[in-house]
């Protein structure tokens, strides 16, 4: 078995471990208590989540879980760089910056850079967005950096980049909605940003972007309230990601799917457990 085949096998095994995104979405919509959530073999961390008494304690435990998942794969990829490009690990590090893009934007927009630490994003990588404190700048910079690293893996990156763009655009739709609610200055429209994103994607893969994004937005509209709308859009995003990436037999694709899965898992676990904290 080659190093790439071994890496893909490891990622498929990790993706087969609970909790699964559809189950977490269902629990979130049902507003289920944390006792309904199973983290599989992570029983110590599950106990810590269930007994958390403050948001700080909850955040610390979730970060520990997320970091363990992400660091484990990065370390595995780095160890195998003797046999395959280091760019896989570098690509994955940039991919998981998705988890902090909204926090990064809030720092840039407020000018308060020190208040809450960033664990995966480096401010210097988004220096040009400091002058232009717009979320569109953050999204386009993130995608451009991913493209640069992904191309160095020498694999076809089109589908992986489409899925990453869809994730970034999902965050962007929430950002635009908040701007409208607060009556703040508009950024690029969603259509304008999609047009800019398409310039970075190969012609063969462009056909996936708008139909997939439309399905995600339509899923959100079926929500009875803002929570259900967000959960529906998250599930639709995951289904699009799995459809596009799971069966291609490319390492960069299954690596992207794993990153999307873990970021969504982190977000949903935070949603489920933080609501429970309010009751204490």
Protein backbone atom coordinates (compact mmCIF):
# COMPACT_ATOMS: atom_id res chain seq x y z
CA UNK A 1 0.00 0.00 0.00
CA UNK A 2 1.40 3.41 -1.00
CA UNK A 3 1.62 6.29 1.47
CA UNK A 4 -1.29 8.04 -0.28
CA UNK A 5 -3.46 4.93 -0.08
CA UNK A 6 -2.58 4.54 3.60
CA UNK A 7 -3.48 8.18 4.28
CA UNK A 8 -6.82 7.80 2.52
CA UNK A 9 -7.56 4.66 4.55
CA UNK A 10 -6.86 6.52 7.80
CA UNK A 11 -9.20 9.37 6.78
CA UNK A 12 -12.02 7.02 5.77
CA UNK A 13 -11.71 5.26 9.13
CA UNK A 14 -11.85 8.59 10.99
CA UNK A 15 -14.91 9.69 9.02
CA UNK A 16 -16.66 6.48 10.08
CA UNK A 17 -16.43 7.40 13.77
CA UNK A 18 -19.33 9.12 15.57
CA UNK A 19 -20.78 11.62 16.07
CA UNK A 20 -22.02 12.05 12.51
CA UNK A 21 -23.10 15.38 11.07
CA UNK A 22 -26.70 14.34 10.16
CA UNK A 23 -27.23 13.03 13.69
CA UNK A 24 -25.88 16.22 15.28
CA UNK A 25 -28.07 18.36 13.02
CA UNK A 26 -31.12 16.32 14.02
CA UNK A 27 -30.30 16.72 17.73
CA UNK A 28 -29.75 20.46 17.29
CA UNK A 29 -33.11 20.94 15.55
CA UNK A 30 -34.81 18.88 18.25
CA UNK A 31 -32.99 20.93 20.94
CA UNK A 32 -31.90 17.67 22.53
CA UNK A 33 -29.93 17.59 25.82
CA UNK A 34 -26.20 16.74 25.75
CA UNK A 35 -26.91 13.30 27.18
CA UNK A 36 -28.21 12.33 23.73
CA UNK A 37 -24.83 13.06 22.10
CA UNK A 38 -22.32 10.24 21.71
CA UNK A 39 -18.64 10.92 21.03
CA UNK A 40 -17.86 7.24 20.62
CA UNK A 41 -14.55 6.35 22.24
CA UNK A 42 -13.95 9.93 23.47
CA UNK A 43 -15.67 9.24 26.79
CA UNK A 44 -13.42 11.42 28.93
CA UNK A 45 -14.01 14.47 26.75
CA UNK A 46 -17.71 13.65 26.53
CA UNK A 47 -17.91 13.63 30.33
CA UNK A 48 -16.09 16.97 30.47
CA UNK A 49 -18.54 18.47 27.98
CA UNK A 50 -21.56 17.19 29.89
CA UNK A 51 -20.28 18.60 33.19
CA UNK A 52 -19.07 21.98 31.87
CA UNK A 53 -20.46 24.82 33.98
CA UNK A 54 -19.21 27.85 32.04
CA UNK A 55 -18.76 28.90 28.43
CA UNK A 56 -15.00 29.13 28.99
CA UNK A 57 -14.87 25.53 30.24
CA UNK A 58 -16.99 24.37 27.32
CA UNK A 59 -14.86 26.23 24.77
CA UNK A 60 -11.67 24.78 26.24
CA UNK A 61 -12.95 21.20 26.04
CA UNK A 62 -14.32 21.60 22.50
CA UNK A 63 -11.02 23.11 21.38
CA UNK A 64 -9.19 20.16 22.92
CA UNK A 65 -11.38 17.74 20.95
CA UNK A 66 -11.08 19.70 17.71
CA UNK A 67 -7.31 20.17 18.07
CA UNK A 68 -6.83 16.47 18.74
CA UNK A 69 -8.66 15.59 15.53
CA UNK A 70 -6.86 18.19 13.43
CA UNK A 71 -3.37 17.81 14.90
CA UNK A 72 -3.51 14.03 14.60
CA UNK A 73 -4.00 14.23 10.85
CA UNK A 74 -1.44 17.01 10.40
CA UNK A 75 1.16 14.99 12.32
CA UNK A 76 0.38 11.92 10.24
CA UNK A 77 0.77 13.86 6.98
CA UNK A 78 4.01 15.50 8.14
CA UNK A 79 5.51 12.13 9.09
CA UNK A 80 4.83 10.79 5.62
CA UNK A 81 6.40 13.73 3.76
CA UNK A 82 9.31 11.48 2.89
CA UNK A 83 6.94 9.73 0.51
CA UNK A 84 4.48 12.46 -0.52
CA UNK A 85 4.46 16.27 -0.76
CA UNK A 86 4.46 18.33 2.42
CA UNK A 87 1.87 20.50 0.65
CA UNK A 88 -0.89 18.10 1.77
CA UNK A 89 -0.24 19.06 5.39
CA UNK A 90 0.11 22.74 4.48
CA UNK A 91 -3.12 22.62 2.47
CA UNK A 92 -4.97 21.02 5.37
CA UNK A 93 -3.74 23.68 7.81
CA UNK A 94 -5.15 26.42 5.58
CA UNK A 95 -8.39 24.48 5.08
CA UNK A 96 -9.20 24.34 8.80
CA UNK A 97 -8.79 28.10 9.05
CA UNK A 98 -12.47 28.00 8.06
CA UNK A 99 -13.22 27.42 11.74
CA UNK A 100 -11.88 30.89 12.60
CA UNK A 101 -12.74 33.05 9.57
CA UNK A 102 -15.69 34.71 11.30
CA UNK A 103 -13.60 35.43 14.39
CA UNK A 104 -10.83 36.79 12.17
CA UNK A 105 -13.27 39.13 10.44
CA UNK A 106 -14.64 40.39 13.77
CA UNK A 107 -11.08 41.21 14.86
CA UNK A 108 -10.32 43.05 11.63
CA UNK A 109 -13.60 44.96 11.67
CA UNK A 110 -13.29 46.00 15.33
CA UNK A 111 -9.55 46.62 15.30
CA UNK A 112 -9.28 44.64 18.55
CA UNK A 113 -6.74 41.99 17.58
CA UNK A 114 -5.59 40.69 20.97
CA UNK A 115 -8.83 39.94 22.82
CA UNK A 116 -9.50 36.31 21.77
CA UNK A 117 -6.68 34.14 20.43
CA UNK A 118 -6.62 32.57 16.98
CA UNK A 119 -5.27 29.03 16.93
CA UNK A 120 -5.16 28.27 13.20
CA UNK A 121 -5.25 31.65 11.45
CA UNK A 122 -2.16 33.84 11.30
CA UNK A 123 -3.01 37.53 11.02
CA UNK A 124 -0.04 38.21 8.76
CA UNK A 125 -1.54 35.88 6.13
CA UNK A 126 -4.51 38.25 5.87
CA UNK A 127 -2.56 41.50 6.21
CA UNK A 128 -4.14 43.04 3.10
CA UNK A 129 -7.58 42.59 4.69
CA UNK A 130 -6.54 44.79 7.62
CA UNK A 131 -6.79 47.79 5.33
CA UNK A 132 -9.99 46.50 3.76
CA UNK A 133 -11.90 45.09 6.73
CA UNK A 134 -14.48 43.25 4.62
CA UNK A 135 -15.46 39.62 4.94
CA UNK A 136 -15.29 39.30 1.15
CA UNK A 137 -11.55 40.04 1.37
CA UNK A 138 -11.12 37.29 3.98
CA UNK A 139 -13.03 34.74 1.88
CA UNK A 140 -11.16 35.48 -1.35
CA UNK A 141 -7.80 35.47 0.42
CA UNK A 142 -8.59 32.13 2.06
CA UNK A 143 -9.54 30.55 -1.26
CA UNK A 144 -6.49 31.99 -3.05
CA UNK A 145 -4.15 30.58 -0.39
CA UNK A 146 -5.82 27.16 -0.65
CA UNK A 147 -5.42 27.12 -4.42
CA UNK A 148 -1.73 27.91 -4.15
CA UNK A 149 -1.07 24.98 -1.80
CA UNK A 150 -3.47 22.55 -3.43
CA UNK A 151 -1.91 22.93 -6.86
CA UNK A 152 1.45 21.88 -5.40
CA UNK A 153 0.03 18.47 -4.45
CA UNK A 154 -0.17 17.73 -8.20
CA UNK A 155 -3.70 16.38 -7.76
CA UNK A 156 -6.86 17.68 -9.41
CA UNK A 157 -8.13 20.26 -6.91
CA UNK A 158 -11.34 21.49 -8.56
CA UNK A 159 -13.89 19.66 -6.42
CA UNK A 160 -12.03 20.26 -3.16
CA UNK A 161 -11.92 23.98 -3.91
CA UNK A 162 -15.61 24.04 -4.84
CA UNK A 163 -16.55 22.54 -1.47
CA UNK A 164 -14.29 24.93 0.43
CA UNK A 165 -15.78 27.84 -1.49
CA UNK A 166 -19.30 26.65 -0.63
CA UNK A 167 -18.37 26.56 3.07
CA UNK A 168 -16.91 30.07 2.91
CA UNK A 169 -19.96 31.31 0.99
CA UNK A 170 -22.29 29.83 3.61
CA UNK A 171 -20.55 31.93 6.25
CA UNK A 172 -20.74 34.89 3.90
CA UNK A 173 -24.54 34.63 3.53
CA UNK A 174 -24.87 34.78 7.33
CA UNK A 175 -22.58 37.80 7.38
CA UNK A 176 -24.66 39.62 4.73
CA UNK A 177 -27.84 38.83 6.66
CA UNK A 178 -26.34 40.35 9.81
CA UNK A 179 -25.26 43.47 7.89
CA UNK A 180 -28.82 43.98 6.64
CA UNK A 181 -30.33 43.46 10.10
CA UNK A 182 -27.95 46.00 11.62
CA UNK A 183 -28.34 48.47 8.77
CA UNK A 184 -24.59 48.53 8.15
CA UNK A 185 -22.70 49.26 4.96
CA UNK A 186 -22.99 46.49 2.39
CA UNK A 187 -20.06 44.39 1.26
CA UNK A 188 -19.95 42.62 -2.10
CA UNK A 189 -23.29 41.02 -2.96
CA UNK A 190 -23.42 37.24 -2.87
CA UNK A 191 -23.64 37.17 -6.68
CA UNK A 192 -20.56 39.41 -6.98
CA UNK A 193 -18.58 37.22 -4.60
CA UNK A 194 -19.65 34.03 -6.38
CA UNK A 195 -18.47 35.56 -9.65
CA UNK A 196 -15.09 36.30 -8.06
CA UNK A 197 -14.90 32.77 -6.64
CA UNK A 198 -15.66 31.22 -10.04
CA UNK A 199 -12.58 32.91 -11.46
CA UNK A 200 -10.49 30.67 -9.19
CA UNK A 201 -12.22 27.40 -10.15
CA UNK A 202 -11.62 25.38 -13.31
CA UNK A 203 -14.29 25.53 -15.99
CA UNK A 204 -15.07 21.83 -15.53
CA UNK A 205 -15.92 22.35 -11.86
CA UNK A 206 -17.73 25.70 -12.15
CA UNK A 207 -20.95 23.85 -12.98
CA UNK A 208 -21.13 22.62 -9.37
CA UNK A 209 -20.86 25.96 -7.58
CA UNK A 210 -24.13 27.77 -8.28
CA UNK A 211 -26.45 24.68 -8.24
CA UNK A 212 -24.88 23.46 -4.98
CA UNK A 213 -25.09 26.90 -3.39
CA UNK A 214 -28.72 27.20 -4.51
CA UNK A 215 -29.58 23.88 -2.84
CA UNK A 216 -27.88 25.02 0.38
CA UNK A 217 -29.78 28.33 0.42
CA UNK A 218 -33.08 26.62 -0.40
CA UNK A 219 -32.51 24.22 2.50
CA UNK A 220 -32.06 27.23 4.80
CA UNK A 221 -35.36 28.70 3.64
CA UNK A 222 -37.18 25.55 4.80
CA UNK A 223 -36.26 26.32 8.40
CA UNK A 224 -39.02 27.33 10.78
CA UNK A 225 -36.66 29.63 12.71
CA UNK A 226 -33.08 30.88 12.46
CA UNK A 227 -31.69 27.82 14.28
CA UNK A 228 -33.44 25.32 12.03
CA UNK A 229 -32.51 27.34 8.94
CA UNK A 230 -28.83 27.27 9.89
CA UNK A 231 -28.94 23.54 10.68
CA UNK A 232 -30.64 22.78 7.37
CA UNK A 233 -27.99 24.73 5.46
CA UNK A 234 -25.19 22.94 7.36
CA UNK A 235 -26.68 19.54 6.51
CA UNK A 236 -27.10 20.54 2.85
CA UNK A 237 -23.47 21.69 2.74
CA UNK A 238 -22.28 18.39 4.19
CA UNK A 239 -24.35 16.38 1.71
CA UNK A 240 -22.92 18.39 -1.19
CA UNK A 241 -19.39 17.87 0.17
CA UNK A 242 -19.86 14.14 0.53
CA UNK A 243 -21.38 13.82 -2.96
CA UNK A 244 -18.51 15.73 -4.56
CA UNK A 245 -15.58 14.32 -2.59
CA UNK A 246 -16.21 10.91 -1.03
CA UNK A 247 -15.86 8.69 -4.09
CA UNK A 248 -13.17 10.38 -6.20
CA UNK A 249 -10.28 8.36 -4.74
CA UNK A 250 -8.14 11.51 -4.50
CA UNK A 251 -6.31 12.22 -1.26
CA UNK A 252 -6.89 15.97 -1.48
CA UNK A 253 -10.65 15.36 -1.76
CA UNK A 254 -11.02 13.00 1.20
CA UNK A 255 -8.71 15.30 3.22
CA UNK A 256 -11.03 18.21 2.41
CA UNK A 257 -14.11 16.20 3.36
CA UNK A 258 -12.49 15.27 6.68
CA UNK A 259 -11.68 18.92 7.40
CA UNK A 260 -15.23 20.03 6.58
CA UNK A 261 -16.63 17.23 8.73
CA UNK A 262 -14.54 18.19 11.76
CA UNK A 263 -15.23 21.91 11.50
CA UNK A 264 -18.98 21.28 11.22
CA UNK A 265 -18.81 18.82 14.12
CA UNK A 266 -17.07 21.44 16.27
CA UNK A 267 -19.70 24.06 15.39
CA UNK A 268 -22.66 21.76 16.07
CA UNK A 269 -21.28 20.45 19.36
CA UNK A 270 -20.75 24.02 20.50
CA UNK A 271 -24.34 24.87 19.56
CA UNK A 272 -25.78 21.85 21.37
CA UNK A 273 -23.78 22.24 24.56
CA UNK A 274 -23.86 26.04 24.84
CA UNK A 275 -27.68 26.02 24.78
CA UNK A 276 -27.65 23.59 27.69
CA UNK A 277 -25.30 25.85 29.65
CA UNK A 278 -27.90 28.62 29.62
CA UNK A 279 -30.20 26.45 31.70
CA UNK A 280 -27.75 26.31 34.62
